[in-house]
């Protein structure tokens, strides 16, 4: 859903019809099911597969932001490969490392921590680690869905879709997919007012917990800050003028947190964004 791809292109060809469109869809389906050529990458370098750079933050995906921030935090050598190739699990982002493929950001981070003998949380107590993980999971498993509805469904003008160049005829199917997915999840059964209430309660809880801290657990970041920043970055920079940004701006410490994480781990931020799709990112 966040990747902005239509999962069933054949269905679109049946619904819309037309010889030309059917031909195009057939070509796209063939492109997706054929086995991609195996490329050679440098040894001992993490190859991060992700979608194209975002308009105002380096990615429109919370999980790409999480993983790439982690790689920078952990100082692990990596290279980006931007494209549409998904992992074997059909997920973004994913990595290759010395020929081994992994997907799901949590499994990837666990693998890299073990491989490179990294513990970004070693300075924190077990209680602090537990609290950090709880807030990470609140944001990833709850807040994420409220932001998804706000960004991709509640916006009647489809501002986000149009900014990143999604064709109008595809937007309908993507919005329907968001609606069906969030309804199955459960949060989509609530009214917009109820969803925004959930969002605000999550942000308030996080704001209360961080308080005057520079980062989630204190003056220094922990591993979970990567995930927290990944989620908040989309509200702060990629709300596309929708309501979720208004709720975030109620909490100055969360806005300051976003700027602080950007400054700490993304000194090349301007090179990693397209500035509203007006230029090509150079990194």
Protein backbone atom coordinates (compact mmCIF):
# COMPACT_ATOMS: atom_id res chain seq x y z
CA UNK A 1 0.00 0.00 0.00
CA UNK A 2 2.70 2.47 1.00
CA UNK A 3 4.66 1.37 -2.06
CA UNK A 4 1.96 2.69 -4.36
CA UNK A 5 1.85 -0.39 -6.62
CA UNK A 6 -1.27 -2.04 -7.97
CA UNK A 7 -1.24 -5.66 -6.84
CA UNK A 8 -3.57 -6.97 -9.50
CA UNK A 9 -2.88 -5.36 -12.86
CA UNK A 10 -4.89 -7.99 -14.72
CA UNK A 11 -8.01 -6.92 -12.81
CA UNK A 12 -7.52 -3.35 -13.99
CA UNK A 13 -7.35 -4.46 -17.61
CA UNK A 14 -10.65 -6.33 -17.23
CA UNK A 15 -12.39 -3.41 -15.55
CA UNK A 16 -11.17 -0.68 -17.86
CA UNK A 17 -10.98 -2.71 -21.05
CA UNK A 18 -9.41 -1.74 -24.36
CA UNK A 19 -6.88 -3.47 -26.55
CA UNK A 20 -4.09 -0.96 -25.96
CA UNK A 21 -4.51 -0.98 -22.20
CA UNK A 22 -4.69 -4.77 -22.13
CA UNK A 23 -1.45 -4.94 -24.08
CA UNK A 24 0.26 -2.54 -21.68
CA UNK A 25 -0.99 -4.49 -18.68
CA UNK A 26 0.19 -7.76 -20.19
CA UNK A 27 3.67 -6.29 -20.64
CA UNK A 28 3.70 -5.01 -17.07
CA UNK A 29 2.59 -8.38 -15.72
CA UNK A 30 5.27 -10.15 -17.75
CA UNK A 31 7.86 -7.72 -16.45
CA UNK A 32 6.81 -8.49 -12.90
CA UNK A 33 6.74 -12.31 -13.18
CA UNK A 34 9.91 -12.83 -15.19
CA UNK A 35 13.01 -13.61 -13.21
CA UNK A 36 15.19 -10.49 -12.86
CA UNK A 37 18.83 -10.68 -13.85
CA UNK A 38 21.16 -11.34 -10.95
CA UNK A 39 23.50 -8.40 -10.38
CA UNK A 40 26.87 -8.44 -8.75
CA UNK A 41 27.40 -6.10 -5.81
CA UNK A 42 30.46 -5.28 -3.70
CA UNK A 43 31.30 -7.77 -0.95
CA UNK A 44 30.58 -6.91 2.68
CA UNK A 45 28.28 -4.06 1.64
CA UNK A 46 24.59 -3.94 2.46
CA UNK A 47 22.56 -3.38 -0.71
CA UNK A 48 19.40 -1.53 0.27
CA UNK A 49 16.59 -1.97 -2.23
CA UNK A 50 14.02 0.78 -1.98
CA UNK A 51 11.65 2.87 -4.06
CA UNK A 52 12.55 6.27 -5.48
CA UNK A 53 13.45 9.20 -3.26
CA UNK A 54 10.63 11.21 -1.71
CA UNK A 55 9.58 14.81 -2.32
CA UNK A 56 10.33 16.34 1.09
CA UNK A 57 11.95 13.48 3.03
CA UNK A 58 14.28 10.82 1.60
CA UNK A 59 11.43 8.31 1.25
CA UNK A 60 7.64 8.21 1.39
CA UNK A 61 7.95 4.90 3.22
CA UNK A 62 8.18 4.89 7.01
CA UNK A 63 10.12 1.66 6.88
CA UNK A 64 12.71 2.82 4.38
CA UNK A 65 13.35 5.83 6.61
CA UNK A 66 13.66 3.52 9.61
CA UNK A 67 16.13 1.14 7.96
CA UNK A 68 18.32 3.71 6.25
CA UNK A 69 18.51 5.76 9.45
CA UNK A 70 19.57 2.60 11.29
CA UNK A 71 22.31 1.89 8.72
CA UNK A 72 23.64 5.40 9.21
CA UNK A 73 23.39 5.18 13.00
CA UNK A 74 25.20 1.82 13.06
CA UNK A 75 27.78 3.06 10.51
CA UNK A 76 27.28 -0.01 8.33
CA UNK A 77 28.58 0.32 4.74
CA UNK A 78 25.62 0.29 2.36
CA UNK A 79 24.53 1.29 -1.11
CA UNK A 80 21.07 2.18 -2.38
CA UNK A 81 19.37 0.52 -5.32
CA UNK A 82 16.22 2.39 -6.30
CA UNK A 83 13.69 0.48 -8.32
CA UNK A 84 10.50 -1.57 -8.40
CA UNK A 85 11.94 -5.01 -7.66
CA UNK A 86 10.39 -6.44 -4.50
CA UNK A 87 11.81 -9.08 -2.21
CA UNK A 88 10.75 -12.72 -2.46
CA UNK A 89 8.18 -11.92 0.24
CA UNK A 90 6.84 -9.06 -1.88
CA UNK A 91 8.02 -6.44 0.60
CA UNK A 92 9.88 -3.13 0.58
CA UNK A 93 12.47 -2.30 1.69
CA UNK A 94 14.76 -5.32 1.52
CA UNK A 95 18.47 -5.95 1.48
CA UNK A 96 21.09 -8.18 -0.05
CA UNK A 97 24.28 -8.91 1.82
CA UNK A 98 26.96 -11.12 0.29
CA UNK A 99 24.32 -12.89 -1.79
CA UNK A 100 21.84 -13.35 1.05
CA UNK A 101 18.41 -11.71 0.73
CA UNK A 102 16.42 -10.47 3.70
CA UNK A 103 13.17 -8.54 4.04
CA UNK A 104 11.15 -7.00 6.89
CA UNK A 105 13.01 -4.21 8.65
CA UNK A 106 12.96 -5.90 12.07
CA UNK A 107 14.46 -9.13 10.74
CA UNK A 108 16.99 -7.13 8.73
CA UNK A 109 18.11 -5.12 11.75
CA UNK A 110 18.37 -8.26 13.90
CA UNK A 111 20.50 -9.90 11.21
CA UNK A 112 22.79 -6.90 10.84
CA UNK A 113 23.17 -6.51 14.61
CA UNK A 114 24.29 -10.12 14.84
CA UNK A 115 26.48 -9.99 11.74
CA UNK A 116 28.29 -6.79 12.70
CA UNK A 117 28.16 -7.37 16.48
CA UNK A 118 26.18 -4.18 17.07
CA UNK A 119 24.12 -3.21 20.09
CA UNK A 120 22.86 0.35 19.80
CA UNK A 121 20.95 -0.06 23.07
CA UNK A 122 23.81 -1.31 25.24
CA UNK A 123 23.83 1.87 27.35
CA UNK A 124 20.19 1.49 28.34
CA UNK A 125 18.55 -0.64 31.02
CA UNK A 126 16.21 -3.54 30.29
CA UNK A 127 13.29 -1.41 31.50
CA UNK A 128 14.24 1.42 29.14
CA UNK A 129 14.63 -0.99 26.24
CA UNK A 130 11.20 -2.43 26.94
CA UNK A 131 9.60 1.01 27.00
CA UNK A 132 11.33 1.97 23.75
CA UNK A 133 10.09 -1.15 22.00
CA UNK A 134 6.56 -0.58 23.28
CA UNK A 135 6.48 2.92 21.77
CA UNK A 136 7.99 1.64 18.54
CA UNK A 137 5.27 -0.97 18.22
CA UNK A 138 2.53 1.52 19.10
CA UNK A 139 3.66 3.72 16.23
CA UNK A 140 4.25 0.91 13.73
CA UNK A 141 1.15 -1.14 14.49
CA UNK A 142 -1.35 1.59 15.37
CA UNK A 143 -0.31 5.14 14.44
CA UNK A 144 0.89 3.96 11.03
CA UNK A 145 -2.66 2.99 10.02
CA UNK A 146 -4.14 6.31 11.08
CA UNK A 147 -1.53 8.10 8.98
CA UNK A 148 -2.23 5.77 6.07
CA UNK A 149 -5.92 6.65 6.12
CA UNK A 150 -5.20 10.36 6.45
CA UNK A 151 -2.66 10.44 3.66
CA UNK A 152 -4.10 8.09 1.07
CA UNK A 153 -7.88 7.89 1.68
CA UNK A 154 -9.28 10.88 3.57
CA UNK A 155 -7.69 13.37 1.19
CA UNK A 156 -10.39 13.80 -1.46
CA UNK A 157 -7.93 15.59 -3.75
CA UNK A 158 -5.44 12.70 -3.61
CA UNK A 159 -2.68 15.28 -3.14
CA UNK A 160 -0.03 12.74 -2.21
CA UNK A 161 -0.75 10.46 -5.14
CA UNK A 162 -0.76 13.34 -7.60
CA UNK A 163 2.43 14.88 -6.26
CA UNK A 164 4.42 11.70 -6.79
CA UNK A 165 2.97 11.26 -10.26
CA UNK A 166 0.45 8.42 -9.90
CA UNK A 167 -1.88 8.42 -12.96
CA UNK A 168 -5.47 9.41 -12.20
CA UNK A 169 -6.91 6.14 -13.48
CA UNK A 170 -4.76 4.16 -11.03
CA UNK A 171 -5.56 6.33 -7.99
CA UNK A 172 -9.09 4.91 -7.78
CA UNK A 173 -7.79 1.37 -7.40
CA UNK A 174 -5.11 2.37 -4.90
CA UNK A 175 -7.64 4.23 -2.75
CA UNK A 176 -9.95 1.24 -2.85
CA UNK A 177 -7.09 -1.01 -1.82
CA UNK A 178 -6.35 1.28 1.15
CA UNK A 179 -10.02 1.25 2.12
CA UNK A 180 -10.29 -2.54 1.96
CA UNK A 181 -7.00 -3.15 3.76
CA UNK A 182 -7.73 -0.77 6.63
CA UNK A 183 -11.28 -2.14 6.95
CA UNK A 184 -9.88 -5.66 7.27
CA UNK A 185 -7.35 -4.38 9.81
CA UNK A 186 -10.18 -2.82 11.83
CA UNK A 187 -9.17 0.82 12.03
CA UNK A 188 -10.93 1.52 8.75
CA UNK A 189 -14.27 0.73 10.40
CA UNK A 190 -13.99 3.88 12.52
CA UNK A 191 -15.09 7.36 11.50
CA UNK A 192 -12.39 9.88 10.52
CA UNK A 193 -12.98 11.71 13.80
CA UNK A 194 -12.34 8.51 15.76
CA UNK A 195 -9.22 7.74 13.74
CA UNK A 196 -7.82 11.22 14.38
CA UNK A 197 -8.59 10.77 18.05
CA UNK A 198 -6.52 7.58 18.04
CA UNK A 199 -3.71 9.39 16.24
CA UNK A 200 -3.74 12.26 18.72
CA UNK A 201 -3.71 9.97 21.74
CA UNK A 202 -0.68 8.13 20.34
CA UNK A 203 1.21 11.36 19.67
CA UNK A 204 0.32 12.76 23.08
CA UNK A 205 1.59 9.60 24.79
CA UNK A 206 4.86 9.76 22.88
CA UNK A 207 5.24 13.47 23.61
CA UNK A 208 4.62 12.92 27.32
CA UNK A 209 7.17 10.12 27.42
CA UNK A 210 9.91 12.03 25.58
CA UNK A 211 9.31 15.18 27.58
CA UNK A 212 12.51 17.24 27.55
CA UNK A 213 14.67 14.38 26.25
CA UNK A 214 16.63 14.99 23.08
CA UNK A 215 15.79 11.48 21.91
CA UNK A 216 13.40 8.73 22.94
CA UNK A 217 15.31 7.59 26.04
CA UNK A 218 17.51 10.56 26.83
CA UNK A 219 20.36 12.66 25.48
CA UNK A 220 21.57 9.90 23.13
CA UNK A 221 19.51 7.95 20.57
CA UNK A 222 18.65 4.28 20.85
CA UNK A 223 17.91 1.77 18.09
CA UNK A 224 14.17 2.34 18.42
CA UNK A 225 14.65 6.01 17.57
CA UNK A 226 15.14 4.88 13.97
CA UNK A 227 11.62 3.43 13.88
CA UNK A 228 10.10 6.36 15.77
CA UNK A 229 11.71 8.80 13.36
CA UNK A 230 10.57 6.71 10.40
CA UNK A 231 6.95 7.05 11.46
CA UNK A 232 7.06 10.69 12.54
CA UNK A 233 8.98 11.76 9.43
CA UNK A 234 5.96 11.00 7.25
CA UNK A 235 3.66 13.12 9.40
CA UNK A 236 6.15 15.96 9.66
CA UNK A 237 7.35 16.15 6.04
CA UNK A 238 4.92 14.06 3.98
CA UNK A 239 1.44 14.89 5.25
CA UNK A 240 0.73 16.61 1.91
CA UNK A 241 -1.31 19.25 3.69
CA UNK A 242 -3.58 16.80 5.47
CA UNK A 243 -4.75 16.83 9.08
CA UNK A 244 -2.17 14.52 10.65
CA UNK A 245 0.48 17.25 10.46
CA UNK A 246 -1.81 19.58 12.41
CA UNK A 247 -1.96 17.06 15.24
CA UNK A 248 1.82 16.60 15.28
CA UNK A 249 2.41 20.34 15.45
CA UNK A 250 0.52 20.45 18.75
CA UNK A 251 3.61 18.84 20.29
CA UNK A 252 6.67 21.04 19.93
CA UNK A 253 9.00 18.42 21.39
CA UNK A 254 8.03 15.93 18.67
CA UNK A 255 8.65 18.49 15.92
CA UNK A 256 12.01 19.36 17.50
CA UNK A 257 12.74 15.64 17.73
CA UNK A 258 12.24 15.25 13.96
CA UNK A 259 14.60 18.12 13.23
CA UNK A 260 17.15 16.74 15.70
CA UNK A 261 17.13 13.27 14.11
CA UNK A 262 17.47 14.82 10.67
CA UNK A 263 20.45 16.87 11.79
CA UNK A 264 22.10 13.94 13.54
CA UNK A 265 21.80 11.26 10.85
CA UNK A 266 20.97 13.03 7.60
CA UNK A 267 23.50 15.82 6.95
CA UNK A 268 22.97 15.16 3.23
CA UNK A 269 19.17 15.46 3.48
CA UNK A 270 18.86 18.02 0.67
CA UNK A 271 20.69 15.66 -1.69
CA UNK A 272 18.30 12.82 -0.83
CA UNK A 273 15.00 14.53 -1.67
CA UNK A 274 13.35 15.70 -4.88
CA UNK A 275 12.10 18.99 -3.39
CA UNK A 276 8.49 18.43 -4.31
CA UNK A 277 9.36 16.35 -7.38
CA UNK A 278 11.01 19.36 -9.00
CA UNK A 279 14.47 17.83 -9.23
CA UNK A 280 16.24 14.50 -9.12
CA UNK A 281 17.84 13.44 -5.85
CA UNK A 282 21.58 13.03 -6.22
CA UNK A 283 21.98 10.40 -3.49
